[in-house]
Amino acid sequence: MTRALHLLDPVGDPKPNEECGVFGVWAPGEEVAKLTYFGLFALQHRGQESAGISVSNGERIMVFKDMGLVSQVFDEPTLNSLLGHLAIGHTRYSTTGASVWKNAQPTYRATPNGGLALAHNGNLTNTPELEAWLRERDAHAKVASKESMDSTNDTWLVTSLLATFTDSTWDAALSVLPRLQGAFCFTFMDDNALYAARDPQGVRPLVLGRLERGWVVASETAALDIVGATFIREVEPGELICVDSGGLRSARFAEANPKGCLFEYVYLARPDTVIADRRVHTTRVEIGRTLALESPVDADLVIPTPESGIPSAVGYAEASGIPYGLGLVKNSYVGRTFIQPSQTLRQLGIRLKLNPIRDVIEGKRLIVVDDSIVRGNTQRALVKMLREAGAAEVHVRIASPPVEWPCFYGIDFATRAELIAPGMNVDEICRSIGADSLAYISLEGLVASTGLPKKRLCRACFDGHYPIPVPPRAAEQMRLIAQEGDDDD
């Protein structure tokens, strides 16, 4: 049975959606399905539309997936039926393809040597070229191509390409991976081995961990922590890893050119995750400190927009010397529901998610720290709510630069026309949301806060410089936009 999942967004301004989460484990003698379940739990923030697990016992691969959260898709009887020594798992938010059951992952294809299941985080940018290559393959490839038309995402395309090879999965991967462009972190499996691969730019995170009796790969180190695995290292950009009864082996299918996603530090990754040898929480606190130095303001209290604004608000308070306080309470359970909200409930707006603590904020000059502004609707409603609760002043501080460009590498931002930043300057946005003042951290300040060189980060959503070629149609649209901007000057 497919479960319909509805999103409740009372103010019509959702955060950028968090691509997907992938997990894989090779551990004979362990309950790999349950380890994967808990790993996906730790990655739930990266995708809430569907969840799936594939397990192999060495003879066949079983796949179970459905629409919904991890806890809604799986129960103990289901997990007890998924027996084997290796597994992969996936939590999905659609960036390409519709939000329907047939696009849930892991995907599965029969191969000349058995079966293949694959889970993907990211977005490919050269799918027309890959589709043409698939059509050029042998008679088996033509069958795979026809089957892949049942789905609308690039994950099926990669799975179908791998399934056309009569070679081993390892050799097939070394043939297919160099032809892919875009952002991709794969965990995949055949009957006997676990594989992981990361694009040459390493746009999305992927890490390797060690169990007492096996190995784990996951999108974030937090997933290693929850299953008791020891973090070993990141999967390198352009690297393919295989784990089987012979141990772990690695090969490079492309030269590394690291361009890690800067927005992972702002919002996407869990604060307890480690990226590039540094915990995300530490980076976000540093972002807040930098923001305070760049954009100071006289106020009585620094409050975060829960939950993603908390570390940066702590850093802002530390650097400014202004007290930190909890002025808003978040209802963590209202964001996803099976019940469509009535118009009456929608009119309650942001109060369904956040409620002010009047005793804390009444009569205070507030600094409200949030991670980003997308369309501005949430901040507009938030400022109004805080004023109604008695705030004397509301100064908004944003822990990222203005988001001005779409992402083609796996984050579902609004279109450029829907984003507030491209059409307004900071003063205009401030007036639009009704704040007393508004400031964003500078791109230079954000990059410096990560501790990484600017050249090692993908900053495209902030500055429009894309490190990987974008789809041709999108490239033409952006060329026209840039031309319009030049004409305006």
Protein backbone atom coordinates (compact mmCIF):
# COMPACT_ATOMS: atom_id res chain seq x y z
CA MET A 1 0.00 0.00 0.00
CA THR A 2 1.32 3.44 -0.88
CA ARG A 3 0.92 6.08 1.79
CA ALA A 4 0.07 9.64 0.73
CA LEU A 5 2.28 12.16 2.48
CA HIS A 6 1.18 15.76 2.74
CA LEU A 7 3.36 18.65 3.82
CA LEU A 8 1.92 21.30 6.09
CA ASP A 9 3.44 24.65 5.28
CA PRO A 10 1.11 27.20 6.86
CA VAL A 11 2.94 30.28 5.64
CA GLY A 12 3.84 29.02 2.17
CA ASP A 13 7.59 29.43 2.63
CA PRO A 14 9.33 26.11 3.24
CA LYS A 15 13.05 25.84 3.87
CA PRO A 16 15.20 24.55 1.01
CA ASN A 17 14.59 20.84 0.90
CA GLU A 18 17.41 18.59 1.92
CA GLU A 19 18.14 16.41 -1.13
CA CYS A 20 18.45 12.78 0.12
CA GLY A 21 20.24 10.60 2.64
CA VAL A 22 22.06 7.34 1.83
CA PHE A 23 23.33 4.57 4.07
CA GLY A 24 25.02 1.23 3.50
CA VAL A 25 26.34 -1.56 5.72
CA TRP A 26 28.28 -4.78 5.15
CA ALA A 27 28.30 -6.76 8.40
CA PRO A 28 27.84 -10.57 8.37
CA GLY A 29 26.24 -11.77 11.58
CA GLU A 30 24.60 -8.41 12.32
CA GLU A 31 20.98 -7.35 11.84
CA VAL A 32 21.83 -5.18 8.87
CA ALA A 33 18.23 -4.12 8.15
CA LYS A 34 17.85 -2.72 11.67
CA LEU A 35 21.25 -1.02 11.50
CA THR A 36 20.13 0.59 8.26
CA TYR A 37 16.81 1.61 9.81
CA PHE A 38 18.58 3.44 12.63
CA GLY A 39 21.06 4.96 10.18
CA LEU A 40 18.18 6.32 8.11
CA PHE A 41 16.60 7.68 11.29
CA ALA A 42 19.73 9.77 11.77
CA LEU A 43 19.41 11.00 8.17
CA GLN A 44 15.68 11.69 8.22
CA HIS A 45 16.29 15.44 7.95
CA ARG A 46 17.74 14.92 4.47
CA GLY A 47 14.51 13.56 3.02
CA GLN A 48 10.99 12.94 4.29
CA GLU A 49 9.01 11.87 1.22
CA SER A 50 9.94 8.20 1.04
CA ALA A 51 12.24 5.64 2.62
CA GLY A 52 13.58 2.28 1.52
CA ILE A 53 15.95 -0.54 2.41
CA SER A 54 17.51 -3.26 0.24
CA VAL A 55 19.04 -6.37 1.83
CA SER A 56 20.99 -9.29 0.35
CA ASN A 57 21.61 -12.70 1.88
CA GLY A 58 24.13 -13.63 -0.82
CA GLU A 59 21.55 -15.28 -3.05
CA ARG A 60 18.95 -12.59 -3.68
CA ILE A 61 18.22 -8.95 -2.98
CA MET A 62 15.02 -7.92 -1.23
CA VAL A 63 13.76 -4.32 -1.50
CA PHE A 64 11.15 -2.67 0.71
CA LYS A 65 10.24 0.98 0.21
CA ASP A 66 7.24 3.26 0.53
CA MET A 67 6.13 6.85 0.81
CA GLY A 68 6.47 8.43 4.24
CA LEU A 69 8.92 8.86 7.08
CA VAL A 70 11.28 6.07 8.13
CA SER A 71 9.13 5.30 11.18
CA GLN A 72 5.99 5.16 9.01
CA VAL A 73 7.45 2.91 6.31
CA PHE A 74 9.09 0.28 8.55
CA ASP A 75 7.93 -1.70 11.55
CA GLU A 76 9.62 -4.53 13.44
CA PRO A 77 7.97 -7.41 11.55
CA THR A 78 9.08 -5.87 8.25
CA LEU A 79 12.65 -5.39 9.45
CA ASN A 80 12.73 -8.95 10.85
CA SER A 81 11.86 -10.25 7.38
CA LEU A 82 14.77 -8.42 5.73
CA LEU A 83 17.55 -10.90 6.44
CA GLY A 84 21.06 -10.79 5.07
CA HIS A 85 24.64 -9.67 5.54
CA LEU A 86 24.58 -6.38 3.64
CA ALA A 87 22.07 -3.60 3.10
CA ILE A 88 21.63 -0.13 1.70
CA GLY A 89 19.01 2.46 2.61
CA HIS A 90 17.63 5.77 1.39
CA THR A 91 15.51 8.69 2.54
CA ARG A 92 14.26 10.84 -0.31
CA TYR A 93 13.23 14.32 -1.12
CA SER A 94 12.54 14.67 -4.85
CA THR A 95 14.78 17.07 -6.76
CA THR A 96 14.26 15.29 -10.09
CA GLY A 97 11.19 13.17 -10.67
CA ALA A 98 7.77 13.26 -9.09
CA SER A 99 7.07 12.45 -5.46
CA VAL A 100 5.50 9.07 -6.15
CA TRP A 101 6.15 5.49 -5.10
CA LYS A 102 7.85 4.41 -8.32
CA ASN A 103 10.54 7.05 -7.72
CA ALA A 104 11.27 5.87 -4.18
CA GLN A 105 14.71 4.33 -3.63
CA PRO A 106 16.68 2.10 -3.58
CA THR A 107 16.11 1.26 -7.22
CA TYR A 108 16.56 -2.35 -8.38
CA ARG A 109 17.53 -4.02 -11.65
CA ALA A 110 18.25 -7.59 -12.59
CA THR A 111 21.73 -7.98 -14.09
CA PRO A 112 23.50 -10.76 -16.01
CA ASN A 113 25.19 -11.68 -12.72
CA GLY A 114 22.24 -11.42 -10.32
CA GLY A 115 20.73 -8.21 -9.01
CA LEU A 116 21.69 -4.61 -8.35
CA ALA A 117 20.15 -2.05 -5.95
CA LEU A 118 21.22 1.60 -5.81
CA ALA A 119 20.54 4.70 -3.68
CA HIS A 120 21.52 8.21 -4.75
CA ASN A 121 21.97 11.60 -3.12
CA GLY A 122 22.43 14.49 -5.52
CA ASN A 123 21.44 15.40 -9.06
CA LEU A 124 22.96 14.57 -12.45
CA THR A 125 23.26 17.31 -15.06
CA ASN A 126 23.96 15.31 -18.24
CA THR A 127 21.01 12.93 -18.30
CA PRO A 128 20.25 13.43 -22.05
CA GLU A 129 23.78 12.27 -22.89
CA LEU A 130 23.42 9.28 -20.56
CA GLU A 131 20.02 8.37 -21.99
CA ALA A 132 21.55 8.38 -25.47
CA TRP A 133 24.36 6.14 -24.26
CA LEU A 134 21.86 3.74 -22.74
CA ARG A 135 19.99 3.52 -26.05
CA GLU A 136 23.26 2.69 -27.79
CA ARG A 137 23.91 -0.29 -25.53
CA ASP A 138 23.16 -3.87 -26.54
CA ALA A 139 19.76 -5.59 -26.62
CA HIS A 140 19.74 -5.89 -22.82
CA ALA A 141 20.33 -2.14 -22.57
CA LYS A 142 17.30 -1.48 -24.71
CA VAL A 143 15.15 -3.50 -22.31
CA ALA A 144 16.61 -1.61 -19.36
CA SER A 145 15.92 1.70 -21.09
CA LYS A 146 12.29 0.78 -21.64
CA GLU A 147 11.93 -0.28 -18.01
CA SER A 148 13.52 2.95 -16.79
CA MET A 149 10.82 4.97 -18.50
CA ASP A 150 8.50 3.86 -15.68
CA SER A 151 10.43 6.25 -13.47
CA THR A 152 11.34 9.90 -13.87
CA ASN A 153 14.56 10.30 -11.89
CA ASP A 154 18.21 10.01 -12.80
CA THR A 155 18.80 7.25 -10.23
CA TRP A 156 16.92 4.79 -12.44
CA LEU A 157 19.07 5.83 -15.37
CA VAL A 158 22.31 5.02 -13.55
CA THR A 159 20.91 1.73 -12.26
CA SER A 160 19.85 0.76 -15.78
CA LEU A 161 23.26 1.64 -17.20
CA LEU A 162 25.07 -0.47 -14.60
CA ALA A 163 22.72 -3.37 -15.30
CA THR A 164 23.64 -3.49 -18.99
CA PHE A 165 27.18 -4.67 -18.33
CA THR A 166 28.05 -8.35 -18.27
CA ASP A 167 31.22 -7.56 -16.32
CA SER A 168 31.38 -7.50 -12.54
CA THR A 169 29.63 -4.68 -10.70
CA TRP A 170 33.07 -3.24 -9.91
CA ASP A 171 34.07 -3.11 -13.58
CA ALA A 172 30.63 -1.82 -14.59
CA ALA A 173 30.92 1.01 -12.08
CA LEU A 174 34.39 1.95 -13.34
CA SER A 175 32.88 2.19 -16.83
CA VAL A 176 29.78 4.21 -15.87
CA LEU A 177 31.00 6.57 -13.15
CA PRO A 178 33.46 8.56 -15.32
CA ARG A 179 30.60 9.38 -17.72
CA LEU A 180 28.42 10.99 -15.04
CA GLN A 181 28.27 14.76 -14.47
CA GLY A 182 26.68 16.57 -11.58
CA ALA A 183 26.51 15.80 -7.88
CA PHE A 184 26.24 12.18 -6.83
CA CYS A 185 26.83 10.10 -3.76
CA PHE A 186 25.90 6.48 -4.42
CA THR A 187 25.56 3.50 -2.17
CA PHE A 188 24.80 0.38 -4.17
CA MET A 189 25.00 -3.36 -3.85
CA ASP A 190 24.93 -6.60 -5.73
CA ASP A 191 24.26 -9.99 -4.16
CA ASN A 192 27.59 -10.09 -2.33
CA ALA A 193 29.21 -6.65 -2.08
CA LEU A 194 28.58 -3.10 -0.88
CA TYR A 195 29.74 -0.18 -3.03
CA ALA A 196 30.01 3.58 -2.50
CA ALA A 197 31.01 6.35 -4.87
CA ARG A 198 31.26 10.14 -4.77
CA ASP A 199 31.44 12.63 -7.63
CA PRO A 200 34.84 14.22 -8.44
CA GLN A 201 33.78 17.52 -6.85
CA GLY A 202 32.48 15.90 -3.65
CA VAL A 203 29.52 18.28 -3.63
CA ARG A 204 27.51 16.11 -1.24
CA PRO A 205 29.04 14.51 1.88
CA LEU A 206 29.73 10.76 2.14
CA VAL A 207 31.69 9.06 4.91
CA LEU A 208 33.14 5.65 5.74
CA GLY A 209 32.88 3.99 9.15
CA ARG A 210 34.02 0.77 10.81
CA LEU A 211 31.96 -1.67 12.85
CA GLU A 212 33.51 -4.42 14.94
CA ARG A 213 32.39 -6.92 12.30
CA GLY A 214 31.87 -4.80 9.24
CA TRP A 215 31.82 -1.47 7.41
CA VAL A 216 29.35 1.39 7.04
CA VAL A 217 28.94 4.25 4.56
CA ALA A 218 26.57 7.15 5.16
CA SER A 219 25.76 10.69 4.11
CA GLU A 220 26.75 12.08 7.50
CA THR A 221 28.90 11.05 10.46
CA ALA A 222 25.84 11.36 12.74
CA ALA A 223 24.50 8.18 11.12
CA LEU A 224 27.74 6.38 11.99
CA ASP A 225 27.38 7.52 15.60
CA ILE A 226 23.85 6.20 15.98
CA VAL A 227 24.80 2.67 14.81
CA GLY A 228 27.98 2.54 16.87
CA ALA A 229 30.41 2.78 13.95
CA THR A 230 33.77 4.48 14.21
CA PHE A 231 34.40 7.25 11.71
CA ILE A 232 37.35 6.33 9.47
CA ARG A 233 37.38 9.01 6.78
CA GLU A 234 35.38 10.72 4.08
CA VAL A 235 34.87 8.90 0.81
CA GLU A 236 37.16 10.91 -1.44
CA PRO A 237 35.80 12.87 -4.40
CA GLY A 238 36.13 10.68 -7.49
CA GLU A 239 36.54 7.50 -5.41
CA LEU A 240 34.81 4.11 -5.72
CA ILE A 241 34.81 1.80 -2.69
CA CYS A 242 33.87 -1.87 -2.49
CA VAL A 243 33.42 -4.02 0.62
CA ASP A 244 32.98 -7.79 0.41
CA SER A 245 34.37 -10.96 1.97
CA GLY A 246 37.81 -10.02 0.68
CA GLY A 247 37.80 -6.79 2.66
CA LEU A 248 37.76 -3.17 1.49
CA ARG A 249 39.21 -1.98 -1.80
CA SER A 250 39.25 1.41 -3.43
CA ALA A 251 39.86 2.90 -6.88
CA ARG A 252 39.83 6.40 -8.28
CA PHE A 253 37.60 6.86 -11.34
CA ALA A 254 38.26 10.61 -11.71
CA GLU A 255 40.68 13.22 -10.46
CA ALA A 256 39.47 14.97 -7.32
CA ASN A 257 38.49 18.63 -7.58
CA PRO A 258 36.76 19.30 -4.22
CA LYS A 259 33.78 21.68 -4.28
CA GLY A 260 31.80 20.82 -1.15
CA CYS A 261 28.36 22.37 -0.82
CA LEU A 262 28.53 25.54 1.29
CA PHE A 263 24.84 25.26 2.17
CA GLU A 264 25.55 22.04 4.09
CA TYR A 265 27.18 24.27 6.73
CA VAL A 266 24.29 26.73 6.74
CA TYR A 267 21.32 24.42 7.02
CA LEU A 268 21.38 20.97 5.40
CA ALA A 269 23.68 18.90 7.63
CA ARG A 270 22.97 17.98 11.24
CA PRO A 271 24.91 20.15 13.70
CA ASP A 272 26.50 17.03 15.24
CA THR A 273 27.91 15.92 11.87
CA VAL A 274 31.60 16.33 10.99
CA ILE A 275 32.51 17.70 7.55
CA ALA A 276 36.12 18.25 6.48
CA ASP A 277 37.38 17.35 9.99
CA ARG A 278 35.19 19.96 11.69
CA ARG A 279 31.86 19.61 13.46
CA VAL A 280 29.08 21.55 11.77
CA HIS A 281 27.91 22.99 15.10
CA THR A 282 31.34 24.59 15.60
CA THR A 283 31.16 26.15 12.13
CA ARG A 284 27.66 27.51 12.72
CA VAL A 285 28.68 29.09 16.02
CA GLU A 286 31.60 30.71 14.21
CA ILE A 287 29.19 31.94 11.53
CA GLY A 288 27.20 33.66 14.29
CA ARG A 289 30.32 35.28 15.70
CA THR A 290 31.27 36.58 12.28
CA LEU A 291 27.75 37.86 11.70
CA ALA A 292 27.88 39.78 14.99
CA LEU A 293 31.17 41.43 14.02
CA GLU A 294 29.93 42.30 10.54
CA SER A 295 26.45 43.51 11.54
CA PRO A 296 26.25 44.71 15.16
CA VAL A 297 23.13 46.36 16.57
CA ASP A 298 22.08 47.58 20.02
CA ALA A 299 19.60 45.14 21.52
CA ASP A 300 18.57 43.43 24.75
CA LEU A 301 18.32 39.78 23.69
CA VAL A 302 19.51 37.40 20.95
CA ILE A 303 17.01 34.67 20.07
CA PRO A 304 17.20 31.94 17.41
CA THR A 305 14.60 30.72 14.99
CA PRO A 306 14.49 27.07 16.09
CA GLU A 307 16.14 24.76 15.35
CA SER A 308 18.57 25.68 12.61
CA GLY A 309 19.25 29.20 13.91
CA ILE A 310 20.36 28.09 17.37
CA PRO A 311 24.16 27.62 16.93
CA SER A 312 24.56 30.88 15.02
CA ALA A 313 22.48 32.73 17.62
CA VAL A 314 24.78 31.35 20.32
CA GLY A 315 27.80 32.63 18.38
CA TYR A 316 26.19 36.02 17.82
CA ALA A 317 25.45 36.38 21.53
CA GLU A 318 29.00 35.37 22.49
CA ALA A 319 30.63 37.84 20.12
CA SER A 320 28.24 40.73 20.83
CA GLY A 321 28.00 40.32 24.58
CA ILE A 322 24.20 40.50 24.32
CA PRO A 323 22.39 37.80 26.33
CA TYR A 324 21.10 34.72 24.52
CA GLY A 325 17.56 33.58 25.23
CA LEU A 326 14.88 31.17 24.09
CA GLY A 327 12.11 33.39 22.81
CA LEU A 328 10.36 30.93 20.51
CA VAL A 329 9.14 27.39 21.10
CA LYS A 330 8.93 25.05 18.12
CA ASN A 331 6.33 22.33 17.68
CA SER A 332 8.52 19.64 16.12
CA TYR A 333 5.60 17.45 15.09
CA VAL A 334 3.48 19.81 13.02
CA GLY A 335 5.61 19.87 9.87
CA ARG A 336 4.41 16.59 8.42
CA THR A 337 0.87 15.31 8.60
CA PHE A 338 -1.56 13.02 6.81
CA ILE A 339 -4.37 15.54 7.40
CA GLN A 340 -4.79 18.45 5.01
CA PRO A 341 -5.11 21.66 7.07
CA SER A 342 -8.33 23.61 6.78
CA GLN A 343 -8.34 27.29 5.84
CA THR A 344 -8.92 28.11 9.50
CA LEU A 345 -5.74 26.26 10.46
CA ARG A 346 -3.78 27.90 7.66
CA GLN A 347 -4.82 31.32 8.93
CA LEU A 348 -3.03 30.50 12.16
CA GLY A 349 0.09 30.70 10.03
CA ILE A 350 3.47 30.37 11.66
CA ARG A 351 1.91 29.81 15.13
CA LEU A 352 1.36 26.19 14.10
CA LYS A 353 5.14 25.80 14.12
CA LEU A 354 6.46 28.52 16.42
CA ASN A 355 5.02 30.19 19.49
CA PRO A 356 6.60 33.19 21.27
CA ILE A 357 7.33 33.20 24.99
CA ARG A 358 5.83 36.57 25.86
CA ASP A 359 7.48 36.81 29.28
CA VAL A 360 10.90 36.57 27.63
CA ILE A 361 10.45 38.99 24.74
CA GLU A 362 7.92 41.58 25.91
CA GLY A 363 9.44 45.07 25.88
CA LYS A 364 12.78 43.76 24.57
CA ARG A 365 14.83 44.85 21.60
CA LEU A 366 15.36 41.53 19.86
CA ILE A 367 17.99 40.17 17.49
CA VAL A 368 16.44 37.19 15.69
CA VAL A 369 18.99 34.87 14.04
CA ASP A 370 17.87 32.53 11.24
CA ASP A 371 19.83 30.45 8.74
CA SER A 372 18.40 31.80 5.46
CA ILE A 373 15.59 33.68 3.75
CA VAL A 374 13.89 32.00 0.81
CA ARG A 375 10.75 33.91 -0.18
CA GLY A 376 10.46 36.01 2.96
CA ASN A 377 6.99 34.84 4.01
CA THR A 378 8.20 33.08 7.16
CA GLN A 379 10.26 36.06 8.35
CA ARG A 380 7.39 38.44 7.62
CA ALA A 381 4.99 36.35 9.70
CA LEU A 382 7.60 35.89 12.43
CA VAL A 383 8.33 39.59 12.79
CA LYS A 384 4.60 40.34 13.00
CA MET A 385 4.10 37.65 15.64
CA LEU A 386 6.98 38.94 17.78
CA ARG A 387 5.63 42.49 17.64
CA GLU A 388 2.18 41.25 18.65
CA ALA A 389 3.86 39.49 21.60
CA GLY A 390 5.29 42.79 22.79
CA ALA A 391 8.76 43.04 21.24
CA ALA A 392 9.95 46.65 21.21
CA GLU A 393 12.26 46.16 18.19
CA VAL A 394 12.98 43.23 15.88
CA HIS A 395 16.37 43.07 14.15
CA VAL A 396 16.81 40.09 11.80
CA ARG A 397 20.24 38.59 11.21
CA ILE A 398 20.75 35.84 8.60
CA ALA A 399 23.56 33.28 8.85
CA SER A 400 23.99 33.01 5.06
CA PRO A 401 24.30 35.49 2.19
CA PRO A 402 21.21 36.18 0.05
CA VAL A 403 20.19 33.08 -1.92
CA GLU A 404 20.02 34.35 -5.50
CA TRP A 405 20.55 31.35 -7.77
CA PRO A 406 18.97 27.90 -8.18
CA CYS A 407 20.82 24.70 -7.32
CA PHE A 408 21.30 21.98 -9.96
CA TYR A 409 23.18 19.64 -7.65
CA GLY A 410 20.44 18.26 -5.41
CA ILE A 411 18.86 21.04 -3.33
CA ASP A 412 15.28 21.93 -4.17
CA PHE A 413 15.41 25.72 -3.87
CA ALA A 414 12.55 27.78 -5.20
CA THR A 415 13.00 29.01 -8.77
CA ARG A 416 14.93 32.24 -9.18
CA ALA A 417 11.69 34.08 -9.88
CA GLU A 418 10.29 32.90 -6.53
CA LEU A 419 13.34 33.84 -4.45
CA ILE A 420 13.09 37.19 -2.72
CA ALA A 421 16.77 38.21 -2.98
CA PRO A 422 17.18 38.58 -6.77
CA GLY A 423 14.38 41.13 -7.00
CA MET A 424 15.11 43.29 -3.94
CA ASN A 425 18.07 44.81 -2.17
CA VAL A 426 18.58 44.31 1.58
CA ASP A 427 16.75 47.50 2.57
CA GLU A 428 13.77 46.55 0.42
CA ILE A 429 13.66 43.06 1.90
CA CYS A 430 13.85 44.58 5.39
CA ARG A 431 10.83 46.76 4.68
CA SER A 432 9.03 43.80 3.08
CA ILE A 433 9.36 41.62 6.20
CA GLY A 434 8.64 44.52 8.56
CA ALA A 435 11.90 44.34 10.55
CA ASP A 436 13.67 47.27 12.17
CA SER A 437 16.88 46.15 10.51
CA LEU A 438 18.12 43.22 8.40
CA ALA A 439 21.63 41.97 7.69
CA TYR A 440 23.11 38.89 6.04
CA ILE A 441 26.56 37.49 6.65
CA SER A 442 28.91 38.23 3.76
CA LEU A 443 29.98 35.42 1.46
CA GLU A 444 33.57 36.03 2.51
CA GLY A 445 32.57 35.81 6.18
CA LEU A 446 30.65 32.59 5.64
CA VAL A 447 33.51 30.96 3.75
CA ALA A 448 36.03 32.03 6.39
CA SER A 449 33.82 30.53 9.10
CA THR A 450 34.09 27.08 7.51
CA GLY A 451 37.89 27.07 7.76
CA LEU A 452 38.13 25.92 4.13
CA PRO A 453 39.56 27.77 1.13
CA LYS A 454 36.95 29.40 -1.07
CA LYS A 455 38.09 27.34 -4.07
CA ARG A 456 37.11 24.12 -2.27
CA LEU A 457 33.45 25.11 -1.84
CA CYS A 458 30.46 25.22 -4.17
CA ARG A 459 28.91 28.66 -3.67
CA ALA A 460 26.65 28.68 -6.71
CA CYS A 461 23.38 29.46 -4.90
CA PHE A 462 25.01 32.60 -3.50
CA ASP A 463 27.19 33.87 -6.35
CA GLY A 464 26.00 32.04 -9.48
CA HIS A 465 29.39 30.42 -10.19
CA TYR A 466 28.66 26.76 -10.96
CA PRO A 467 31.62 24.39 -10.60
CA ILE A 468 29.98 21.67 -12.74
CA PRO A 469 28.31 22.33 -16.11
CA VAL A 470 24.56 22.80 -15.66
CA PRO A 471 21.88 21.36 -17.98
CA PRO A 472 21.89 23.16 -21.38
CA ARG A 473 18.39 24.61 -21.03
CA ALA A 474 19.20 25.98 -17.58
CA ALA A 475 22.48 27.42 -18.83
CA GLU A 476 20.65 29.33 -21.57
CA GLN A 477 18.11 30.67 -19.09
CA MET A 478 20.86 31.91 -16.79
CA ARG A 479 22.67 33.51 -19.72
CA LEU A 480 19.52 35.48 -20.53
CA ILE A 481 19.11 36.49 -16.88
CA ALA A 482 22.72 37.69 -16.72
CA GLN A 483 22.22 39.59 -19.98
CA GLU A 484 19.13 41.31 -18.56
CA GLY A 485 21.19 42.32 -15.51
CA ASP A 486 23.87 43.84 -17.75
CA ASP A 487 21.22 45.73 -19.70
CA ASP A 488 19.83 47.11 -16.45
CA ASP A 489 23.24 48.49 -15.57
